[in-house]
C-alpha cells in the first residue's frame, strides 16, 4: 500500500462509521467504474482496430474523399 493510501485510510478510520461507509461506497463505485471502462475499451479497441483497418483499405482503394469541415 502506498503512503498516500495509508494516510487516507488513517484519516478515514478516524471518521464515524456512517462516513466510513459512505467513503467505502464511493471507492467501491469508482473501482467498479474503472473495471467497466477497462472492459469496454478492451472490447471497443478490437472493434476500433477493425474499423481503422477497413478505413485504410478504402483509402488505398481510392474510395475516400478529403474531408471539408465547412461542409459538415
PDB file of N, CA and C in Angstrom:
ATOM      1  N   UNK A   1       0.849  -1.166   0.000  1.00  0.00           N
ATOM      2  CA  UNK A   1       0.000   0.000   0.000  1.00  0.00           C
ATOM      3  C   UNK A   1       0.900   1.236   0.000  1.00  0.00           C
ATOM      4  N   UNK A   2       0.516   2.233  -0.779  1.00  0.00           N
ATOM      5  CA  UNK A   2       1.325   3.450  -0.851  1.00  0.00           C
ATOM      6  C   UNK A   2       1.152   4.286   0.412  1.00  0.00           C
ATOM      7  N   UNK A   3       2.096   5.189   0.624  1.00  0.00           N
ATOM      8  CA  UNK A   3       1.994   6.092   1.778  1.00  0.00           C
ATOM      9  C   UNK A   3       0.739   6.943   1.706  1.00  0.00           C
ATOM     10  N   UNK A   4       0.442   7.390   0.505  1.00  0.00           N
ATOM     11  CA  UNK A   4      -0.732   8.238   0.325  1.00  0.00           C
ATOM     12  C   UNK A   4      -2.009   7.489   0.707  1.00  0.00           C
ATOM     13  N   UNK A   5      -2.123   6.255   0.272  1.00  0.00           N
ATOM     14  CA  UNK A   5      -3.311   5.470   0.609  1.00  0.00           C
ATOM     15  C   UNK A   5      -3.345   5.145   2.096  1.00  0.00           C
ATOM     16  N   UNK A   6      -2.198   4.827   2.672  1.00  0.00           N
ATOM     17  CA  UNK A   6      -2.147   4.574   4.117  1.00  0.00           C
ATOM     18  C   UNK A   6      -2.606   5.809   4.889  1.00  0.00           C
ATOM     19  N   UNK A   7      -2.173   6.977   4.455  1.00  0.00           N
ATOM     20  CA  UNK A   7      -2.576   8.234   5.100  1.00  0.00           C
ATOM     21  C   UNK A   7      -4.091   8.416   4.992  1.00  0.00           C
ATOM     22  N   UNK A   8      -4.641   8.161   3.817  1.00  0.00           N
ATOM     23  CA  UNK A   8      -6.080   8.300   3.617  1.00  0.00           C
ATOM     24  C   UNK A   8      -6.844   7.330   4.505  1.00  0.00           C
ATOM     25  N   UNK A   9      -6.366   6.099   4.609  1.00  0.00           N
ATOM     26  CA  UNK A   9      -7.039   5.093   5.436  1.00  0.00           C
ATOM     27  C   UNK A   9      -7.009   5.516   6.897  1.00  0.00           C
ATOM     28  N   UNK A  10      -5.882   6.049   7.357  1.00  0.00           N
ATOM     29  CA  UNK A  10      -5.817   6.531   8.746  1.00  0.00           C
ATOM     30  C   UNK A  10      -6.847   7.627   8.986  1.00  0.00           C
ATOM     31  N   UNK A  11      -6.973   8.536   8.025  1.00  0.00           N
ATOM     32  CA  UNK A  11      -7.944   9.629   8.161  1.00  0.00           C
ATOM     33  C   UNK A  11      -9.371   9.083   8.179  1.00  0.00           C
ATOM     34  N   UNK A  12      -9.649   8.126   7.316  1.00  0.00           N
ATOM     35  CA  UNK A  12     -10.997   7.558   7.240  1.00  0.00           C
ATOM     36  C   UNK A  12     -11.324   6.794   8.516  1.00  0.00           C
ATOM     37  N   UNK A  13     -10.350   6.097   9.087  1.00  0.00           N
ATOM     38  CA  UNK A  13     -10.579   5.346  10.320  1.00  0.00           C
ATOM     39  C   UNK A  13     -11.024   6.248  11.460  1.00  0.00           C
ATOM     40  N   UNK A  14     -10.628   7.518  11.409  1.00  0.00           N
ATOM     41  CA  UNK A  14     -10.975   8.454  12.476  1.00  0.00           C
ATOM     42  C   UNK A  14     -12.403   9.001  12.336  1.00  0.00           C
ATOM     43  N   UNK A  15     -13.052   8.711  11.229  1.00  0.00           N
ATOM     44  CA  UNK A  15     -14.399   9.222  10.991  1.00  0.00           C
ATOM     45  C   UNK A  15     -15.451   8.308  11.614  1.00  0.00           C
ATOM     46  N   UNK A  16     -16.651   8.843  11.830  1.00  0.00           N
ATOM     47  CA  UNK A  16     -17.751   8.000  12.309  1.00  0.00           C
ATOM     48  C   UNK A  16     -18.068   6.908  11.282  1.00  0.00           C
ATOM     49  N   UNK A  17     -18.647   5.816  11.745  1.00  0.00           N
ATOM     50  CA  UNK A  17     -18.871   4.656  10.881  1.00  0.00           C
ATOM     51  C   UNK A  17     -19.729   4.979   9.657  1.00  0.00           C
ATOM     52  N   UNK A  18     -20.716   5.844   9.808  1.00  0.00           N
ATOM     53  CA  UNK A  18     -21.550   6.202   8.664  1.00  0.00           C
ATOM     54  C   UNK A  18     -20.751   6.878   7.557  1.00  0.00           C
ATOM     55  N   UNK A  19     -19.838   7.757   7.950  1.00  0.00           N
ATOM     56  CA  UNK A  19     -18.985   8.423   6.965  1.00  0.00           C
ATOM     57  C   UNK A  19     -17.987   7.444   6.355  1.00  0.00           C
ATOM     58  N   UNK A  20     -17.488   6.514   7.177  1.00  0.00           N
ATOM     59  CA  UNK A  20     -16.587   5.489   6.641  1.00  0.00           C
ATOM     60  C   UNK A  20     -17.310   4.659   5.576  1.00  0.00           C
ATOM     61  N   UNK A  21     -18.558   4.281   5.864  1.00  0.00           N
ATOM     62  CA  UNK A  21     -19.327   3.501   4.890  1.00  0.00           C
ATOM     63  C   UNK A  21     -19.562   4.297   3.611  1.00  0.00           C
ATOM     64  N   UNK A  22     -19.830   5.587   3.732  1.00  0.00           N
ATOM     65  CA  UNK A  22     -20.058   6.422   2.554  1.00  0.00           C
ATOM     66  C   UNK A  22     -18.792   6.506   1.697  1.00  0.00           C
ATOM     67  N   UNK A  23     -17.661   6.673   2.336  1.00  0.00           N
ATOM     68  CA  UNK A  23     -16.393   6.737   1.596  1.00  0.00           C
ATOM     69  C   UNK A  23     -16.077   5.383   0.967  1.00  0.00           C
ATOM     70  N   UNK A  24     -16.345   4.313   1.700  1.00  0.00           N
ATOM     71  CA  UNK A  24     -16.124   2.974   1.153  1.00  0.00           C
ATOM     72  C   UNK A  24     -16.996   2.762  -0.088  1.00  0.00           C
ATOM     73  N   UNK A  25     -18.235   3.215  -0.041  1.00  0.00           N
ATOM     74  CA  UNK A  25     -19.136   3.072  -1.185  1.00  0.00           C
ATOM     75  C   UNK A  25     -18.600   3.860  -2.384  1.00  0.00           C
ATOM     76  N   UNK A  26     -18.090   5.060  -2.141  1.00  0.00           N
ATOM     77  CA  UNK A  26     -17.508   5.859  -3.229  1.00  0.00           C
ATOM     78  C   UNK A  26     -16.321   5.151  -3.866  1.00  0.00           C
ATOM     79  N   UNK A  27     -15.456   4.613  -3.030  1.00  0.00           N
ATOM     80  CA  UNK A  27     -14.265   3.915  -3.538  1.00  0.00           C
ATOM     81  C   UNK A  27     -14.671   2.682  -4.337  1.00  0.00           C
ATOM     82  N   UNK A  28     -15.588   1.902  -3.792  1.00  0.00           N
ATOM     83  CA  UNK A  28     -16.032   0.692  -4.491  1.00  0.00           C
ATOM     84  C   UNK A  28     -16.720   1.033  -5.815  1.00  0.00           C
ATOM     85  N   UNK A  29     -17.519   2.093  -5.825  1.00  0.00           N
ATOM     86  CA  UNK A  29     -18.161   2.526  -7.072  1.00  0.00           C
ATOM     87  C   UNK A  29     -17.110   2.939  -8.102  1.00  0.00           C
ATOM     88  N   UNK A  30     -16.106   3.665  -7.654  1.00  0.00           N
ATOM     89  CA  UNK A  30     -15.043   4.108  -8.561  1.00  0.00           C
ATOM     90  C   UNK A  30     -14.285   2.917  -9.144  1.00  0.00           C
ATOM     91  N   UNK A  31     -13.980   1.936  -8.305  1.00  0.00           N
ATOM     92  CA  UNK A  31     -13.287   0.738  -8.792  1.00  0.00           C
ATOM     93  C   UNK A  31     -14.140  -0.032  -9.800  1.00  0.00           C
ATOM     94  N   UNK A  32     -15.443  -0.096  -9.548  1.00  0.00           N
ATOM     95  CA  UNK A  32     -16.343  -0.784 -10.477  1.00  0.00           C
ATOM     96  C   UNK A  32     -16.419  -0.024 -11.802  1.00  0.00           C
ATOM     97  N   UNK A  33     -16.485   1.301 -11.735  1.00  0.00           N
ATOM     98  CA  UNK A  33     -16.478   2.111 -12.959  1.00  0.00           C
ATOM     99  C   UNK A  33     -15.212   1.866 -13.763  1.00  0.00           C
ATOM    100  N   UNK A  34     -14.085   1.819 -13.078  1.00  0.00           N
ATOM    101  CA  UNK A  34     -12.810   1.577 -13.767  1.00  0.00           C
ATOM    102  C   UNK A  34     -12.819   0.214 -14.438  1.00  0.00           C
ATOM    103  N   UNK A  35     -13.350  -0.789 -13.759  1.00  0.00           N
ATOM    104  CA  UNK A  35     -13.422  -2.137 -14.334  1.00  0.00           C
ATOM    105  C   UNK A  35     -14.295  -2.133 -15.588  1.00  0.00           C
ATOM    106  N   UNK A  36     -15.444  -1.448 -15.514  1.00  0.00           N
ATOM    107  CA  UNK A  36     -16.335  -1.388 -16.682  1.00  0.00           C
ATOM    108  C   UNK A  36     -15.674  -0.657 -17.850  1.00  0.00           C
ATOM    109  N   UNK A  37     -14.991   0.469 -17.574  1.00  0.00           N
ATOM    110  CA  UNK A  37     -14.298   1.201 -18.635  1.00  0.00           C
ATOM    111  C   UNK A  37     -13.199   0.340 -19.244  1.00  0.00           C
ATOM    112  N   UNK A  38     -12.428  -0.330 -18.401  1.00  0.00           N
ATOM    113  CA  UNK A  38     -11.350  -1.189 -18.913  1.00  0.00           C
ATOM    114  C   UNK A  38     -11.907  -2.270 -19.831  1.00  0.00           C
ATOM    115  N   UNK A  39     -13.017  -2.875 -19.421  1.00  0.00           N
ATOM    116  CA  UNK A  39     -13.629  -3.923 -20.233  1.00  0.00           C
ATOM    117  C   UNK A  39     -14.177  -3.344 -21.542  1.00  0.00           C
ATOM    118  N   UNK A  40     -14.815  -2.178 -21.466  1.00  0.00           N
ATOM    119  CA  UNK A  40     -15.376  -1.557 -22.672  1.00  0.00           C
ATOM    120  C   UNK A  40     -14.271  -1.191 -23.660  1.00  0.00           C
ATOM    121  N   UNK A  41     -13.159  -0.667 -23.159  1.00  0.00           N
ATOM    122  CA  UNK A  41     -12.070  -0.302 -24.058  1.00  0.00           C
ATOM    123  C   UNK A  41     -11.383  -1.536 -24.637  1.00  0.00           C
ATOM    124  N   UNK A  42     -11.335  -2.611 -23.872  1.00  0.00           N
ATOM    125  CA  UNK A  42     -10.724  -3.840 -24.394  1.00  0.00           C
ATOM    126  C   UNK A  42     -11.547  -4.361 -25.570  1.00  0.00           C
ATOM    127  N   UNK A  43     -12.856  -4.394 -25.407  1.00  0.00           N
ATOM    128  CA  UNK A  43     -13.745  -4.855 -26.475  1.00  0.00           C
ATOM    129  C   UNK A  43     -13.795  -3.819 -27.582  1.00  0.00           C
ATOM    130  N   UNK A  44     -13.971  -2.552 -27.203  1.00  0.00           N
ATOM    131  CA  UNK A  44     -14.058  -1.481 -28.187  1.00  0.00           C
ATOM    132  C   UNK A  44     -12.775  -1.300 -28.961  1.00  0.00           C
ATOM    133  N   UNK A  45     -11.654  -1.564 -28.335  1.00  0.00           N
ATOM    134  CA  UNK A  45     -10.365  -1.423 -29.004  1.00  0.00           C
ATOM    135  C   UNK A  45     -10.243  -2.354 -30.189  1.00  0.00           C
ATOM    136  N   UNK A  46     -10.722  -3.566 -30.023  1.00  0.00           N
ATOM    137  CA  UNK A  46     -10.699  -4.519 -31.141  1.00  0.00           C
ATOM    138  C   UNK A  46     -11.604  -4.041 -32.266  1.00  0.00           C
ATOM    139  N   UNK A  47     -12.788  -3.536 -31.900  1.00  0.00           N
ATOM    140  CA  UNK A  47     -13.721  -3.047 -32.911  1.00  0.00           C
ATOM    141  C   UNK A  47     -13.137  -1.831 -33.629  1.00  0.00           C
ATOM    142  N   UNK A  48     -12.499  -0.931 -32.872  1.00  0.00           N
ATOM    143  CA  UNK A  48     -11.890   0.246 -33.486  1.00  0.00           C
ATOM    144  C   UNK A  48     -10.741  -0.138 -34.409  1.00  0.00           C
ATOM    145  N   UNK A  49      -9.959  -1.116 -34.014  1.00  0.00           N
ATOM    146  CA  UNK A  49      -8.852  -1.573 -34.856  1.00  0.00           C
ATOM    147  C   UNK A  49      -9.387  -2.126 -36.172  1.00  0.00           C
ATOM    148  N   UNK A  50     -10.496  -2.860 -36.107  1.00  0.00           N
ATOM    149  CA  UNK A  50     -11.104  -3.411 -37.319  1.00  0.00           C
ATOM    150  C   UNK A  50     -11.619  -2.286 -38.214  1.00  0.00           C
ATOM    151  N   UNK A  51     -12.291  -1.307 -37.617  1.00  0.00           N
ATOM    152  CA  UNK A  51     -12.795  -0.177 -38.400  1.00  0.00           C
ATOM    153  C   UNK A  51     -11.647   0.607 -39.040  1.00  0.00           C
ATOM    154  N   UNK A  52     -10.569   0.804 -38.302  1.00  0.00           N
ATOM    155  CA  UNK A  52      -9.413   1.523 -38.846  1.00  0.00           C
ATOM    156  C   UNK A  52      -8.808   0.773 -40.010  1.00  0.00           C
ATOM    157  N   UNK A  53      -8.729  -0.541 -39.890  1.00  0.00           N
ATOM    158  CA  UNK A  53      -8.191  -1.358 -40.973  1.00  0.00           C
ATOM    159  C   UNK A  53      -9.068  -1.239 -42.217  1.00  0.00           C
ATOM    160  N   UNK A  54     -10.386  -1.269 -42.017  1.00  0.00           N
ATOM    161  CA  UNK A  54     -11.299  -1.125 -43.142  1.00  0.00           C
ATOM    162  C   UNK A  54     -11.175   0.255 -43.783  1.00  0.00           C
ATOM    163  N   UNK A  55     -11.027   1.291 -42.955  1.00  0.00           N
ATOM    164  CA  UNK A  55     -10.897   2.655 -43.475  1.00  0.00           C
ATOM    165  C   UNK A  55      -9.610   2.798 -44.288  1.00  0.00           C
ATOM    166  N   UNK A  56      -8.521   2.214 -43.804  1.00  0.00           N
ATOM    167  CA  UNK A  56      -7.259   2.277 -44.562  1.00  0.00           C
ATOM    168  C   UNK A  56      -7.390   1.557 -45.902  1.00  0.00           C
ATOM    169  N   UNK A  57      -8.078   0.426 -45.901  1.00  0.00           N
ATOM    170  CA  UNK A  57      -8.271  -0.323 -47.150  1.00  0.00           C
ATOM    171  C   UNK A  57      -9.103   0.491 -48.137  1.00  0.00           C
ATOM    172  N   UNK A  58     -10.151   1.157 -47.640  1.00  0.00           N
ATOM    173  CA  UNK A  58     -10.961   2.004 -48.516  1.00  0.00           C
ATOM    174  C   UNK A  58     -10.134   3.160 -49.071  1.00  0.00           C
ATOM    175  N   UNK A  59      -9.284   3.731 -48.229  1.00  0.00           N
ATOM    176  CA  UNK A  59      -8.442   4.846 -48.679  1.00  0.00           C
ATOM    177  C   UNK A  59      -7.458   4.365 -49.748  1.00  0.00           C
ATOM    178  N   UNK A  60      -6.838   3.224 -49.518  1.00  0.00           N
ATOM    179  CA  UNK A  60      -5.906   2.681 -50.518  1.00  0.00           C
ATOM    180  C   UNK A  60      -6.622   2.371 -51.832  1.00  0.00           C
ATOM    181  N   UNK A  61      -7.895   1.983 -51.747  1.00  0.00           N
ATOM    182  CA  UNK A  61      -8.679   1.669 -52.943  1.00  0.00           C
ATOM    183  C   UNK A  61      -9.271   2.942 -53.569  1.00  0.00           C
ATOM    184  N   UNK A  62      -8.879   4.107 -53.040  1.00  0.00           N
ATOM    185  CA  UNK A  62      -9.331   5.410 -53.542  1.00  0.00           C
ATOM    186  C   UNK A  62     -10.863   5.560 -53.461  1.00  0.00           C
ATOM    187  N   UNK A  63     -11.446   5.002 -52.403  1.00  0.00           N
ATOM    188  CA  UNK A  63     -12.885   5.106 -52.193  1.00  0.00           C
ATOM    189  C   UNK A  63     -13.231   6.198 -51.176  1.00  0.00           C
ATOM    190  N   UNK A  64     -12.266   7.034 -50.842  1.00  0.00           N
ATOM    191  CA  UNK A  64     -12.492   8.085 -49.854  1.00  0.00           C
ATOM    192  C   UNK A  64     -12.330   9.448 -50.497  1.00  0.00           C
ATOM    193  N   UNK A  65     -12.876  10.487 -49.828  1.00  0.00           N
ATOM    194  CA  UNK A  65     -12.736  11.867 -50.294  1.00  0.00           C
ATOM    195  C   UNK A  65     -12.164  12.691 -49.147  1.00  0.00           C
ATOM    196  N   UNK A  66     -11.435  13.767 -49.455  1.00  0.00           N
ATOM    197  CA  UNK A  66     -10.949  14.639 -48.385  1.00  0.00           C
ATOM    198  C   UNK A  66     -12.141  15.242 -47.616  1.00  0.00           C
ATOM    199  N   UNK A  67     -11.953  15.409 -46.345  1.00  0.00           N
ATOM    200  CA  UNK A  67     -12.999  15.975 -45.509  1.00  0.00           C
ATOM    201  C   UNK A  67     -12.914  17.489 -45.528  1.00  0.00           C
ATOM    202  N   UNK A  68     -14.043  18.146 -45.797  1.00  0.00           N
ATOM    203  CA  UNK A  68     -14.123  19.598 -45.746  1.00  0.00           C
ATOM    204  C   UNK A  68     -14.983  19.959 -44.545  1.00  0.00           C
ATOM    205  N   UNK A  69     -14.374  20.422 -43.447  1.00  0.00           N
ATOM    206  CA  UNK A  69     -15.147  20.731 -42.229  1.00  0.00           C
ATOM    207  C   UNK A  69     -16.233  21.765 -42.472  1.00  0.00           C
ATOM    208  N   UNK A  70     -16.047  22.643 -43.454  1.00  0.00           N
ATOM    209  CA  UNK A  70     -17.046  23.668 -43.725  1.00  0.00           C
ATOM    210  C   UNK A  70     -18.323  23.087 -44.342  1.00  0.00           C
ATOM    211  N   UNK A  71     -18.224  21.875 -44.848  1.00  0.00           N
ATOM    212  CA  UNK A  71     -19.384  21.250 -45.470  1.00  0.00           C
ATOM    213  C   UNK A  71     -20.067  20.228 -44.564  1.00  0.00           C
ATOM    214  N   UNK A  72     -19.667  20.180 -43.326  1.00  0.00           N
ATOM    215  CA  UNK A  72     -20.287  19.222 -42.403  1.00  0.00           C
ATOM    216  C   UNK A  72     -21.640  19.702 -41.947  1.00  0.00           C
TER     217      UNK A  72
END
